[in-house]
Each structure stands twice: as C-alpha cells, then as structure tokens.
Amino acid sequence: RGLRQGNILSPYLFILWAKSVSVALFLSVERKSLHAIKICPKAPIISHLFFVDDNIIFARATMEEVVHLTSLLHSYEIVLG
C-alpha cells in the first residue's frame, strides 16, 4: 500500500514531513529565497505555521518566491507519492 493507507497520511510520516519542510522553509528564509513576517520589532520571524489539518506559509507575493515555494513543496510531493 505504500506510504499511505487510503487517503490518510500516517501521523508519524506527517511529523517527519512537517519537520523536514520546516527546516527547508527556515533555510530558504536564511538564504533570502523566501521572506518571513515579523509581528513586532522584538518578535522572532514567522515563516510558517503547521496545524493538525492545515498549514500556513508566509512569503511575499512575487514570482520568484512563488516559484521557489512551489518547487520546494513539489519536491516533498514527489517523495511522499
């Protein structure tokens, strides 16, 4: 059956996916390929939020960032099938 049972991704695989995507997004922000948000001057930057059934990824609305984010997510889509 591969990595999935039906259409539900295993919770353990989701945790691994979330961690690896989180690191990839963090590195993209460090390399300035993506831009994160800051809610106040002394707050840490926020590039993404992962919830149980939803994800929010912050970036600028530029073609460069859209292409980079699409490429990043596509690579994880290929890995997970």
Protein backbone atom coordinates (compact mmCIF):
# COMPACT_ATOMS: atom_id res chain seq x y z
CA ARG A 1 0.00 0.00 0.00
CA GLY A 2 2.98 2.34 0.02
CA LEU A 3 3.28 5.23 2.45
CA ARG A 4 -0.44 5.88 2.69
CA GLN A 5 -3.47 3.94 3.86
CA GLY A 6 -6.32 5.11 1.70
CA ASN A 7 -6.00 8.87 1.51
CA ILE A 8 -4.74 9.39 5.07
CA LEU A 9 -1.08 10.06 5.67
CA SER A 10 0.32 8.25 8.70
CA PRO A 11 0.68 10.64 11.69
CA TYR A 12 4.33 9.63 12.02
CA LEU A 13 5.01 10.41 8.38
CA PHE A 14 3.26 13.76 8.78
CA ILE A 15 5.56 14.63 11.69
CA LEU A 16 8.62 13.72 9.62
CA TRP A 17 7.26 15.67 6.65
CA ALA A 18 6.45 18.70 8.81
CA LYS A 19 9.90 18.72 10.39
CA SER A 20 11.74 18.41 7.08
CA VAL A 21 9.57 21.06 5.37
CA SER A 22 10.01 23.30 8.41
CA VAL A 23 13.80 23.04 8.12
CA ALA A 24 13.65 23.65 4.36
CA LEU A 25 11.50 26.76 4.87
CA PHE A 26 13.82 28.03 7.61
CA LEU A 27 16.85 27.57 5.34
CA SER A 28 15.03 29.32 2.49
CA VAL A 29 14.41 32.31 4.75
CA GLU A 30 18.06 32.31 5.87
CA ARG A 31 19.20 32.28 2.22
CA LYS A 32 16.66 35.04 1.45
CA SER A 33 14.85 32.90 -1.12
CA LEU A 34 11.67 33.45 0.94
CA HIS A 35 10.72 36.29 3.25
CA ALA A 36 9.02 35.71 6.59
CA ILE A 37 6.93 38.09 8.69
CA LYS A 38 7.61 39.77 11.99
CA ILE A 39 4.66 40.88 14.14
CA CYS A 40 6.67 43.38 16.21
CA PRO A 41 10.31 44.55 16.34
CA LYS A 42 11.46 42.18 19.10
CA ALA A 43 9.45 39.15 17.96
CA PRO A 44 11.04 36.24 16.13
CA ILE A 45 10.31 35.87 12.41
CA ILE A 46 7.49 33.56 11.36
CA SER A 47 7.80 31.74 8.05
CA HIS A 48 5.16 29.07 8.58
CA LEU A 49 2.62 27.58 10.97
CA PHE A 50 1.65 23.92 10.90
CA PHE A 51 -1.62 22.77 12.43
CA VAL A 52 -3.20 19.32 12.62
CA ASP A 53 -5.21 19.76 9.44
CA ASP A 54 -3.85 22.94 7.91
CA ASN A 55 -0.63 24.77 7.04
CA ILE A 56 0.07 28.48 6.67
CA ILE A 57 3.22 29.55 4.84
CA PHE A 58 4.17 33.23 4.74
CA ALA A 59 6.00 34.69 1.77
CA ARG A 60 5.99 37.75 -0.44
CA ALA A 61 3.70 37.77 -3.45
CA THR A 62 6.48 37.77 -6.04
CA MET A 63 7.03 35.34 -8.88
CA GLU A 64 10.47 34.41 -7.51
CA GLU A 65 9.09 33.40 -4.11
CA VAL A 66 6.10 31.60 -5.62
CA VAL A 67 8.36 29.59 -7.92
CA HIS A 68 10.74 28.77 -5.04
CA LEU A 69 7.90 27.72 -2.71
CA THR A 70 6.20 25.66 -5.42
CA SER A 71 9.49 23.90 -6.20
CA LEU A 72 10.14 23.19 -2.52
CA LEU A 73 6.66 21.74 -1.95
CA HIS A 74 6.78 19.78 -5.22
CA SER A 75 9.97 18.02 -4.13
CA TYR A 76 8.20 16.81 -0.96
CA GLU A 77 5.17 15.79 -3.00
CA ILE A 78 7.41 13.56 -5.14
CA VAL A 79 8.95 11.95 -2.04
CA LEU A 80 5.55 11.20 -0.48
CA GLY A 81 3.95 9.98 -3.69
